């Protein structure tokens, strides 16, 4: 058992309440009635053989949205089944976060010559993954 004054958890409300916190700390039944699973992220970590310059990688962190209305983007994704999303969404329809740490780390070239890395995160509604829950 680990005792802490505060708990910061990224495993979801139900897992936090039922597996990390002692019984009775959080009224999970009330929370389940008031909250529902929201968007999650699909993470892709990419390692490339070649320097960032060789691939002409832009520097930094990039948030790429199809429009400025993030709520509408999330609502649209949430209204689609997985099959609909695969059939209807193109690369310009997806909200993405792209991090290219190899372009901002001043010691990257010395420590990892001829290597590049990227992290790409795409939002996806939880219901796309419910079939894998059990």
C-alpha atoms as a PDB file:
ATOM      1  CA  UNK A   1       0.000   0.000   0.000  1.00  0.00           C
ATOM      2  CA  UNK A   2       1.183   3.469  -0.862  1.00  0.00           C
ATOM      3  CA  UNK A   3      -0.256   6.390   1.102  1.00  0.00           C
ATOM      4  CA  UNK A   4      -0.400   9.820  -0.511  1.00  0.00           C
ATOM      5  CA  UNK A   5      -2.122  13.090   0.254  1.00  0.00           C
ATOM      6  CA  UNK A   6      -2.921  13.565  -3.446  1.00  0.00           C
ATOM      7  CA  UNK A   7      -3.339  11.058  -6.243  1.00  0.00           C
ATOM      8  CA  UNK A   8      -2.720  12.020  -9.859  1.00  0.00           C
ATOM      9  CA  UNK A   9      -3.812   9.190 -12.105  1.00  0.00           C
ATOM     10  CA  UNK A  10      -3.936   8.632 -15.847  1.00  0.00           C
ATOM     11  CA  UNK A  11      -5.606   5.216 -15.768  1.00  0.00           C
ATOM     12  CA  UNK A  12      -9.166   6.503 -15.895  1.00  0.00           C
ATOM     13  CA  UNK A  13     -11.773   7.256 -13.287  1.00  0.00           C
ATOM     14  CA  UNK A  14     -13.049   3.709 -12.754  1.00  0.00           C
ATOM     15  CA  UNK A  15      -9.576   2.179 -12.436  1.00  0.00           C
ATOM     16  CA  UNK A  16      -8.445   4.971 -10.118  1.00  0.00           C
ATOM     17  CA  UNK A  17     -11.506   4.646  -7.874  1.00  0.00           C
ATOM     18  CA  UNK A  18     -11.618   0.843  -7.774  1.00  0.00           C
ATOM     19  CA  UNK A  19      -7.929  -0.098  -7.859  1.00  0.00           C
ATOM     20  CA  UNK A  20      -5.819   2.812  -6.615  1.00  0.00           C
ATOM     21  CA  UNK A  21      -7.907   4.512  -3.937  1.00  0.00           C
ATOM     22  CA  UNK A  22      -9.133   2.949  -0.685  1.00  0.00           C
ATOM     23  CA  UNK A  23     -12.864   2.058  -0.659  1.00  0.00           C
ATOM     24  CA  UNK A  24     -15.148   4.979   0.074  1.00  0.00           C
ATOM     25  CA  UNK A  25     -12.788   7.782  -0.949  1.00  0.00           C
ATOM     26  CA  UNK A  26     -14.703   8.408  -4.168  1.00  0.00           C
ATOM     27  CA  UNK A  27     -18.384   7.693  -4.754  1.00  0.00           C
ATOM     28  CA  UNK A  28     -17.792   5.739  -7.961  1.00  0.00           C
ATOM     29  CA  UNK A  29     -21.499   5.092  -8.592  1.00  0.00           C
ATOM     30  CA  UNK A  30     -22.230   8.837  -8.527  1.00  0.00           C
ATOM     31  CA  UNK A  31     -19.237   9.536 -10.760  1.00  0.00           C
ATOM     32  CA  UNK A  32     -20.264   6.851 -13.268  1.00  0.00           C
ATOM     33  CA  UNK A  33     -23.751   8.388 -13.542  1.00  0.00           C
ATOM     34  CA  UNK A  34     -22.367  11.883 -14.143  1.00  0.00           C
ATOM     35  CA  UNK A  35     -19.332  11.134 -16.308  1.00  0.00           C
ATOM     36  CA  UNK A  36     -18.674   9.113 -19.416  1.00  0.00           C
ATOM     37  CA  UNK A  37     -15.452   8.098 -21.157  1.00  0.00           C
ATOM     38  CA  UNK A  38     -14.097  10.885 -23.333  1.00  0.00           C
ATOM     39  CA  UNK A  39     -11.507  10.966 -26.053  1.00  0.00           C
ATOM     40  CA  UNK A  40      -8.355   9.006 -25.633  1.00  0.00           C
ATOM     41  CA  UNK A  41      -5.143   9.187 -27.578  1.00  0.00           C
ATOM     42  CA  UNK A  42      -3.546   6.811 -30.020  1.00  0.00           C
ATOM     43  CA  UNK A  43       0.214   7.172 -29.657  1.00  0.00           C
ATOM     44  CA  UNK A  44       2.680   6.396 -32.410  1.00  0.00           C
ATOM     45  CA  UNK A  45       6.375   6.548 -31.630  1.00  0.00           C
ATOM     46  CA  UNK A  46       8.567   6.650 -34.728  1.00  0.00           C
ATOM     47  CA  UNK A  47      12.296   6.006 -34.881  1.00  0.00           C
ATOM     48  CA  UNK A  48      14.068   6.747 -38.163  1.00  0.00           C
ATOM     49  CA  UNK A  49      17.534   5.965 -39.454  1.00  0.00           C
ATOM     50  CA  UNK A  50      18.785   9.318 -40.651  1.00  0.00           C
ATOM     51  CA  UNK A  51      19.280  12.799 -39.266  1.00  0.00           C
ATOM     52  CA  UNK A  52      16.451  15.295 -38.762  1.00  0.00           C
ATOM     53  CA  UNK A  53      18.048  17.417 -41.510  1.00  0.00           C
ATOM     54  CA  UNK A  54      18.042  14.465 -43.909  1.00  0.00           C
ATOM     55  CA  UNK A  55      14.269  14.141 -43.452  1.00  0.00           C
ATOM     56  CA  UNK A  56      13.736  17.919 -43.378  1.00  0.00           C
ATOM     57  CA  UNK A  57      11.870  17.592 -40.079  1.00  0.00           C
ATOM     58  CA  UNK A  58      10.399  20.829 -38.733  1.00  0.00           C
ATOM     59  CA  UNK A  59      11.537  21.907 -35.294  1.00  0.00           C
ATOM     60  CA  UNK A  60       9.414  21.582 -32.188  1.00  0.00           C
ATOM     61  CA  UNK A  61       5.904  20.616 -31.222  1.00  0.00           C
ATOM     62  CA  UNK A  62       2.904  20.943 -33.533  1.00  0.00           C
ATOM     63  CA  UNK A  63      -0.850  20.852 -32.859  1.00  0.00           C
ATOM     64  CA  UNK A  64      -2.630  20.192 -36.143  1.00  0.00           C
ATOM     65  CA  UNK A  65      -6.416  20.566 -36.253  1.00  0.00           C
ATOM     66  CA  UNK A  66      -8.775  20.411 -39.237  1.00  0.00           C
ATOM     67  CA  UNK A  67     -10.547  23.512 -37.849  1.00  0.00           C
ATOM     68  CA  UNK A  68     -10.477  25.871 -34.867  1.00  0.00           C
ATOM     69  CA  UNK A  69     -13.568  24.248 -33.307  1.00  0.00           C
ATOM     70  CA  UNK A  70     -12.065  21.460 -31.194  1.00  0.00           C
ATOM     71  CA  UNK A  71     -15.451  20.617 -29.627  1.00  0.00           C
ATOM     72  CA  UNK A  72     -16.975  20.020 -33.078  1.00  0.00           C
ATOM     73  CA  UNK A  73     -13.987  17.875 -34.098  1.00  0.00           C
ATOM     74  CA  UNK A  74     -14.304  15.714 -30.982  1.00  0.00           C
ATOM     75  CA  UNK A  75     -18.107  15.495 -31.352  1.00  0.00           C
ATOM     76  CA  UNK A  76     -17.723  14.366 -34.964  1.00  0.00           C
ATOM     77  CA  UNK A  77     -15.223  11.661 -34.008  1.00  0.00           C
ATOM     78  CA  UNK A  78     -17.423  10.591 -31.094  1.00  0.00           C
ATOM     79  CA  UNK A  79     -20.456  10.193 -33.372  1.00  0.00           C
ATOM     80  CA  UNK A  80     -18.650   7.794 -35.712  1.00  0.00           C
ATOM     81  CA  UNK A  81     -18.149   4.065 -35.442  1.00  0.00           C
ATOM     82  CA  UNK A  82     -14.668   2.726 -36.040  1.00  0.00           C
ATOM     83  CA  UNK A  83     -15.724   1.454 -39.475  1.00  0.00           C
ATOM     84  CA  UNK A  84     -17.171   4.858 -40.407  1.00  0.00           C
ATOM     85  CA  UNK A  85     -14.005   6.624 -39.301  1.00  0.00           C
ATOM     86  CA  UNK A  86     -11.808   4.281 -41.340  1.00  0.00           C
ATOM     87  CA  UNK A  87     -14.009   4.719 -44.407  1.00  0.00           C
ATOM     88  CA  UNK A  88     -14.734   8.444 -44.214  1.00  0.00           C
ATOM     89  CA  UNK A  89     -11.826  10.226 -42.525  1.00  0.00           C
ATOM     90  CA  UNK A  90      -8.825  11.369 -44.470  1.00  0.00           C
ATOM     91  CA  UNK A  91      -5.493  12.646 -43.148  1.00  0.00           C
ATOM     92  CA  UNK A  92      -6.737  16.252 -43.095  1.00  0.00           C
ATOM     93  CA  UNK A  93      -9.744  15.327 -40.914  1.00  0.00           C
ATOM     94  CA  UNK A  94      -7.777  14.132 -37.897  1.00  0.00           C
ATOM     95  CA  UNK A  95      -6.612  16.245 -34.960  1.00  0.00           C
ATOM     96  CA  UNK A  96      -2.957  15.485 -34.330  1.00  0.00           C
ATOM     97  CA  UNK A  97      -0.206  16.350 -31.912  1.00  0.00           C
ATOM     98  CA  UNK A  98       3.292  15.903 -33.365  1.00  0.00           C
ATOM     99  CA  UNK A  99       6.425  16.232 -31.265  1.00  0.00           C
ATOM    100  CA  UNK A 100       9.868  16.071 -32.829  1.00  0.00           C
ATOM    101  CA  UNK A 101      12.242  16.130 -29.839  1.00  0.00           C
ATOM    102  CA  UNK A 102      15.296  15.287 -31.918  1.00  0.00           C
ATOM    103  CA  UNK A 103      15.078  18.768 -33.467  1.00  0.00           C
ATOM    104  CA  UNK A 104      15.110  20.638 -30.151  1.00  0.00           C
ATOM    105  CA  UNK A 105      17.564  18.635 -28.023  1.00  0.00           C
ATOM    106  CA  UNK A 106      20.955  20.384 -28.234  1.00  0.00           C
ATOM    107  CA  UNK A 107      22.798  17.104 -27.461  1.00  0.00           C
ATOM    108  CA  UNK A 108      20.761  14.900 -29.797  1.00  0.00           C
ATOM    109  CA  UNK A 109      23.244  14.791 -32.697  1.00  0.00           C
ATOM    110  CA  UNK A 110      26.169  13.912 -30.433  1.00  0.00           C
ATOM    111  CA  UNK A 111      24.269  11.219 -28.522  1.00  0.00           C
ATOM    112  CA  UNK A 112      22.241   9.766 -31.415  1.00  0.00           C
ATOM    113  CA  UNK A 113      24.016  10.381 -34.723  1.00  0.00           C
ATOM    114  CA  UNK A 114      21.971   9.665 -37.846  1.00  0.00           C
ATOM    115  CA  UNK A 115      18.793   8.970 -35.847  1.00  0.00           C
ATOM    116  CA  UNK A 116      15.480  10.828 -35.644  1.00  0.00           C
ATOM    117  CA  UNK A 117      12.394  10.368 -33.491  1.00  0.00           C
ATOM    118  CA  UNK A 118       8.823  11.630 -33.589  1.00  0.00           C
ATOM    119  CA  UNK A 119       5.787  11.181 -31.376  1.00  0.00           C
ATOM    120  CA  UNK A 120       2.376  11.441 -33.007  1.00  0.00           C
ATOM    121  CA  UNK A 121      -0.850  11.444 -31.004  1.00  0.00           C
ATOM    122  CA  UNK A 122      -4.313  11.276 -32.559  1.00  0.00           C
ATOM    123  CA  UNK A 123      -7.525  11.744 -30.607  1.00  0.00           C
ATOM    124  CA  UNK A 124      -9.996   8.874 -30.691  1.00  0.00           C
ATOM    125  CA  UNK A 125     -13.241   8.254 -28.804  1.00  0.00           C
ATOM    126  CA  UNK A 126     -13.145   5.542 -26.184  1.00  0.00           C
ATOM    127  CA  UNK A 127     -16.027   3.582 -27.761  1.00  0.00           C
ATOM    128  CA  UNK A 128     -13.752   2.682 -30.705  1.00  0.00           C
ATOM    129  CA  UNK A 129     -11.830   0.473 -28.255  1.00  0.00           C
ATOM    130  CA  UNK A 130     -14.656  -0.951 -26.129  1.00  0.00           C
ATOM    131  CA  UNK A 131     -14.604  -4.259 -27.997  1.00  0.00           C
ATOM    132  CA  UNK A 132     -11.149  -4.865 -26.486  1.00  0.00           C
ATOM    133  CA  UNK A 133     -12.159  -3.968 -22.915  1.00  0.00           C
ATOM    134  CA  UNK A 134     -12.368  -7.522 -21.607  1.00  0.00           C
END
